[in-house]
Amino acid sequence: MELTPELSTLSVLLLGFFLGLSHAIEADHLAAVSAIVSEKKNIFSAAIVGGLWGVGHTISLFVVGAIAIFLKLQISETAEAKLEAIVGGMLILLGLNALRKLFTAKEIHAHTHEHGARAHTHFHLHKDEESGEKSHHRFSPRSVLIGMVHGLAGSAALTIAVVPTIKSPIVALAYIFIFGVGSIGGMMLMSLLLGLPFHFTANNFVVLNKAIRLAAGIFSFGLGMFIVYEKLLQT
């Protein structure tokens, strides 16, 4: 749908919101968030990860959009390709990190118990999910930074295809903001949905949980390799 001066401000902002929602389901966004969410078994934590990603994404879009609006600067196609390649490299690292955590050696602890006059020692195996339980509610800025990188890579298309068609600078900034709000909501919803399989398989279906985590890591790594090859090696 092409923006025209005849479209009302409300229509433009509604369009930005729904485009932001749909923006959340792009493959590179899902790959990044799924690699992070695979470490979580709490669905609330998963949703927060998506929200933080969306916040970082919106920050980058708003800053670059403001520069494009007031300074009349645009990101070149070469710079856009390099930014996309950085996103690909980040996906590779996220995938490798998810796989590393999946295959990290488990901790074994010895416990001594007494039964009457007799004491015995047995070994207890802590699953990787258990050892990371305390970190589920600690939200590092990683998701925000990842969202900012994605926002930089996606800002070229936004500033070239959409912002120049909006005559009012205020409406253009409002469009970017509403687009960001839509992307935050969309990513929170998608992260919640992506987190459900990890949540429901974390304790009772350990093998299936590891298989899903393996798939998430491979997906992120593989898509990252493809993006780097397409955007950097072929330019």
Protein backbone atom coordinates (compact mmCIF):
# COMPACT_ATOMS: atom_id res chain seq x y z
CA MET A 1 0.00 0.00 0.00
CA GLU A 2 1.50 3.34 -1.04
CA LEU A 3 1.20 6.33 1.23
CA THR A 4 -0.30 9.43 -0.40
CA PRO A 5 -1.01 12.95 0.87
CA GLU A 6 -4.72 12.15 0.79
CA LEU A 7 -4.39 9.60 3.55
CA SER A 8 -5.45 11.00 6.91
CA THR A 9 -2.99 11.18 9.80
CA LEU A 10 -4.95 8.53 11.66
CA SER A 11 -4.77 6.20 8.67
CA VAL A 12 -1.02 6.70 8.42
CA LEU A 13 -0.51 5.94 12.11
CA LEU A 14 -2.78 2.89 12.01
CA LEU A 15 -0.85 1.65 9.00
CA GLY A 16 2.40 2.13 10.90
CA PHE A 17 1.08 0.16 13.87
CA PHE A 18 -0.03 -2.82 11.80
CA LEU A 19 3.16 -2.76 9.74
CA GLY A 20 5.08 -2.82 13.01
CA LEU A 21 3.10 -5.85 14.15
CA SER A 22 3.80 -7.69 10.90
CA HIS A 23 7.44 -6.60 10.99
CA ALA A 24 7.88 -8.79 14.07
CA ILE A 25 7.41 -12.03 12.13
CA GLU A 26 10.34 -11.54 9.77
CA ALA A 27 12.70 -14.49 9.75
CA ASP A 28 15.80 -12.74 11.12
CA HIS A 29 13.82 -11.28 14.02
CA LEU A 30 12.33 -14.65 14.91
CA ALA A 31 15.72 -16.34 14.64
CA ALA A 32 17.34 -13.86 17.03
CA VAL A 33 14.58 -14.00 19.60
CA SER A 34 14.15 -17.79 19.42
CA ALA A 35 17.87 -18.25 20.11
CA ILE A 36 17.55 -16.10 23.24
CA VAL A 37 14.19 -17.47 24.33
CA SER A 38 15.54 -21.03 24.06
CA GLU A 39 17.46 -20.29 27.27
CA LYS A 40 14.23 -19.47 29.12
CA LYS A 41 11.62 -21.78 30.53
CA ASN A 42 9.53 -18.98 32.00
CA ILE A 43 7.09 -17.61 29.43
CA PHE A 44 6.93 -14.23 31.19
CA SER A 45 10.69 -13.93 30.74
CA ALA A 46 10.28 -14.88 27.09
CA ALA A 47 7.72 -12.12 26.53
CA ILE A 48 9.98 -9.56 28.22
CA VAL A 49 12.83 -10.60 25.91
CA GLY A 50 10.67 -9.74 22.92
CA GLY A 51 9.59 -6.45 24.46
CA LEU A 52 13.19 -5.41 25.13
CA TRP A 53 14.11 -6.38 21.58
CA GLY A 54 11.30 -4.15 20.33
CA VAL A 55 12.45 -1.25 22.51
CA GLY A 56 15.97 -1.42 21.08
CA HIS A 57 14.57 -1.73 17.57
CA THR A 58 12.40 1.35 18.09
CA ILE A 59 15.28 3.42 19.47
CA SER A 60 17.36 2.82 16.34
CA LEU A 61 14.47 3.46 13.98
CA PHE A 62 13.52 6.68 15.74
CA VAL A 63 17.07 8.07 15.79
CA VAL A 64 17.79 7.21 12.15
CA GLY A 65 14.34 8.37 11.11
CA ALA A 66 14.82 11.72 12.84
CA ILE A 67 18.15 12.18 11.05
CA ALA A 68 16.53 11.33 7.73
CA ILE A 69 13.66 13.74 8.34
CA PHE A 70 15.53 16.78 9.60
CA LEU A 71 18.94 16.40 7.93
CA LYS A 72 17.66 14.82 4.72
CA LEU A 73 20.19 11.98 5.03
CA GLN A 74 19.59 8.42 3.90
CA ILE A 75 21.40 5.13 4.31
CA SER A 76 23.02 4.01 1.07
CA GLU A 77 22.44 0.54 -0.35
CA THR A 78 26.07 -0.36 0.37
CA ALA A 79 25.76 0.68 4.00
CA GLU A 80 22.45 -1.15 4.25
CA ALA A 81 24.06 -4.36 2.98
CA LYS A 82 26.85 -4.04 5.54
CA LEU A 83 24.36 -3.50 8.35
CA GLU A 84 22.41 -6.56 7.22
CA ALA A 85 25.67 -8.52 7.22
CA ILE A 86 26.26 -7.40 10.82
CA VAL A 87 22.81 -8.74 11.68
CA GLY A 88 23.80 -12.01 10.03
CA GLY A 89 27.00 -12.15 12.08
CA MET A 90 25.01 -11.50 15.23
CA LEU A 91 22.63 -14.35 14.38
CA ILE A 92 25.61 -16.64 13.93
CA LEU A 93 26.92 -15.71 17.37
CA LEU A 94 23.48 -16.11 18.95
CA GLY A 95 23.08 -19.53 17.37
CA LEU A 96 26.53 -20.65 18.49
CA ASN A 97 25.87 -19.37 22.00
CA ALA A 98 22.57 -21.24 22.17
CA LEU A 99 24.27 -24.43 21.02
CA ARG A 100 27.13 -23.90 23.46
CA LYS A 101 24.73 -23.59 26.37
CA LEU A 102 22.83 -26.64 25.18
CA PHE A 103 25.94 -28.80 25.15
CA THR A 104 27.61 -27.30 28.21
CA ALA A 105 28.73 -29.98 30.67
CA LYS A 106 26.32 -30.49 33.53
CA GLU A 107 27.37 -29.97 37.11
CA ILE A 108 27.65 -33.00 39.37
CA HIS A 109 27.54 -32.57 43.15
CA ALA A 110 28.09 -35.10 45.93
CA HIS A 111 25.56 -35.24 48.73
CA THR A 112 25.96 -37.18 51.99
CA HIS A 113 22.94 -38.48 53.87
CA GLU A 114 22.63 -40.36 57.13
CA HIS A 115 20.17 -43.17 57.68
CA GLY A 116 20.38 -44.03 61.36
CA ALA A 117 23.98 -44.91 62.13
CA ARG A 118 24.80 -45.40 58.49
CA ALA A 119 25.93 -42.61 56.18
CA HIS A 120 26.13 -42.82 52.42
CA THR A 121 27.08 -40.49 49.61
CA HIS A 122 25.37 -40.16 46.27
CA PHE A 123 25.90 -37.92 43.28
CA HIS A 124 23.27 -35.48 42.11
CA LEU A 125 23.12 -34.20 38.55
CA HIS A 126 21.94 -30.64 38.01
CA LYS A 127 20.39 -30.16 34.60
CA ASP A 128 21.43 -27.07 32.70
CA GLU A 129 17.88 -25.77 33.06
CA GLU A 130 18.18 -26.00 36.84
CA SER A 131 21.59 -24.35 37.02
CA GLY A 132 20.25 -21.33 35.11
CA GLU A 133 17.03 -21.03 37.08
CA LYS A 134 18.23 -18.00 39.01
CA SER A 135 18.92 -16.08 35.83
CA HIS A 136 15.40 -16.32 34.42
CA HIS A 137 14.30 -13.08 36.00
CA ARG A 138 17.50 -11.12 35.39
CA PHE A 139 17.10 -9.18 32.18
CA SER A 140 20.37 -8.09 30.67
CA PRO A 141 20.55 -5.33 28.05
CA ARG A 142 21.48 -7.93 25.44
CA SER A 143 17.99 -8.05 23.93
CA VAL A 144 17.89 -4.23 23.66
CA LEU A 145 21.28 -4.15 21.91
CA ILE A 146 20.23 -6.90 19.50
CA GLY A 147 17.04 -4.98 18.74
CA MET A 148 19.04 -1.82 18.09
CA VAL A 149 21.24 -3.63 15.56
CA HIS A 150 18.14 -4.98 13.81
CA GLY A 151 16.65 -1.48 13.86
CA LEU A 152 19.72 0.00 12.18
CA ALA A 153 19.61 -2.67 9.48
CA GLY A 154 15.89 -2.13 8.87
CA SER A 155 15.94 1.65 9.07
CA ALA A 156 17.11 2.08 5.47
CA ALA A 157 13.94 0.59 4.01
CA LEU A 158 11.79 2.61 6.40
CA THR A 159 13.48 5.94 5.69
CA ILE A 160 13.59 5.39 1.93
CA ALA A 161 10.20 3.78 1.29
CA VAL A 162 7.93 5.37 3.89
CA VAL A 163 9.20 8.48 5.64
CA PRO A 164 9.75 10.60 2.48
CA THR A 165 6.10 10.08 1.50
CA ILE A 166 4.90 11.76 4.71
CA LYS A 167 4.96 15.53 4.31
CA SER A 168 4.72 16.55 7.96
CA PRO A 169 7.89 15.89 10.01
CA ILE A 170 5.80 15.52 13.18
CA VAL A 171 3.54 12.94 11.56
CA ALA A 172 6.59 11.14 10.17
CA LEU A 173 8.14 10.89 13.65
CA ALA A 174 4.79 9.79 15.07
CA TYR A 175 4.61 7.14 12.35
CA ILE A 176 8.03 5.77 13.33
CA PHE A 177 7.06 5.77 17.00
CA ILE A 178 3.76 3.97 16.36
CA PHE A 179 5.57 1.54 14.06
CA GLY A 180 7.93 0.85 16.96
CA VAL A 181 5.05 0.33 19.38
CA GLY A 182 3.57 -2.19 16.96
CA SER A 183 6.90 -4.00 16.67
CA ILE A 184 7.21 -4.12 20.48
CA GLY A 185 3.76 -5.63 20.81
CA GLY A 186 4.34 -8.04 17.95
CA MET A 187 7.67 -9.22 19.31
CA MET A 188 6.26 -9.71 22.81
CA LEU A 189 3.48 -11.85 21.36
CA MET A 190 5.83 -13.83 19.12
CA SER A 191 8.31 -14.32 21.97
CA LEU A 192 5.51 -15.58 24.18
CA LEU A 193 4.44 -18.05 21.51
CA LEU A 194 8.03 -19.12 20.86
CA GLY A 195 8.57 -19.56 24.58
CA LEU A 196 5.63 -21.95 25.03
CA PRO A 197 7.39 -25.06 23.64
CA PHE A 198 10.45 -24.41 25.82
CA HIS A 199 8.23 -23.81 28.86
CA PHE A 200 6.09 -26.92 28.53
CA THR A 201 8.99 -29.27 27.73
CA ALA A 202 11.58 -27.90 30.17
CA ASN A 203 10.88 -30.25 33.09
CA ASN A 204 8.93 -33.27 31.86
CA PHE A 205 10.17 -33.68 28.29
CA VAL A 206 13.87 -32.98 28.58
CA VAL A 207 14.85 -34.74 25.34
CA LEU A 208 12.19 -32.88 23.34
CA ASN A 209 13.24 -29.62 25.00
CA LYS A 210 16.84 -30.16 23.94
CA ALA A 211 15.71 -31.00 20.40
CA ILE A 212 13.76 -27.72 20.18
CA ARG A 213 16.70 -25.77 21.57
CA LEU A 214 18.97 -27.46 19.08
CA ALA A 215 16.63 -26.47 16.24
CA ALA A 216 16.54 -22.85 17.47
CA GLY A 217 20.34 -22.67 17.59
CA ILE A 218 20.76 -24.22 14.16
CA PHE A 219 18.08 -21.94 12.68
CA SER A 220 19.78 -18.81 14.00
CA PHE A 221 23.23 -19.97 12.92
CA GLY A 222 22.10 -21.12 9.47
CA LEU A 223 20.09 -17.98 8.70
CA GLY A 224 22.98 -15.83 9.87
CA MET A 225 25.38 -17.62 7.52
CA PHE A 226 22.96 -17.15 4.63
CA ILE A 227 22.53 -13.43 5.33
CA VAL A 228 26.28 -12.85 5.58
CA TYR A 229 26.83 -14.70 2.31
CA GLU A 230 24.02 -12.87 0.52
CA LYS A 231 24.70 -9.36 1.81
CA LEU A 232 28.46 -9.29 2.10
CA LEU A 233 30.16 -11.95 0.00
CA GLN A 234 27.97 -11.37 -3.05
CA THR A 235 28.22 -7.55 -3.08
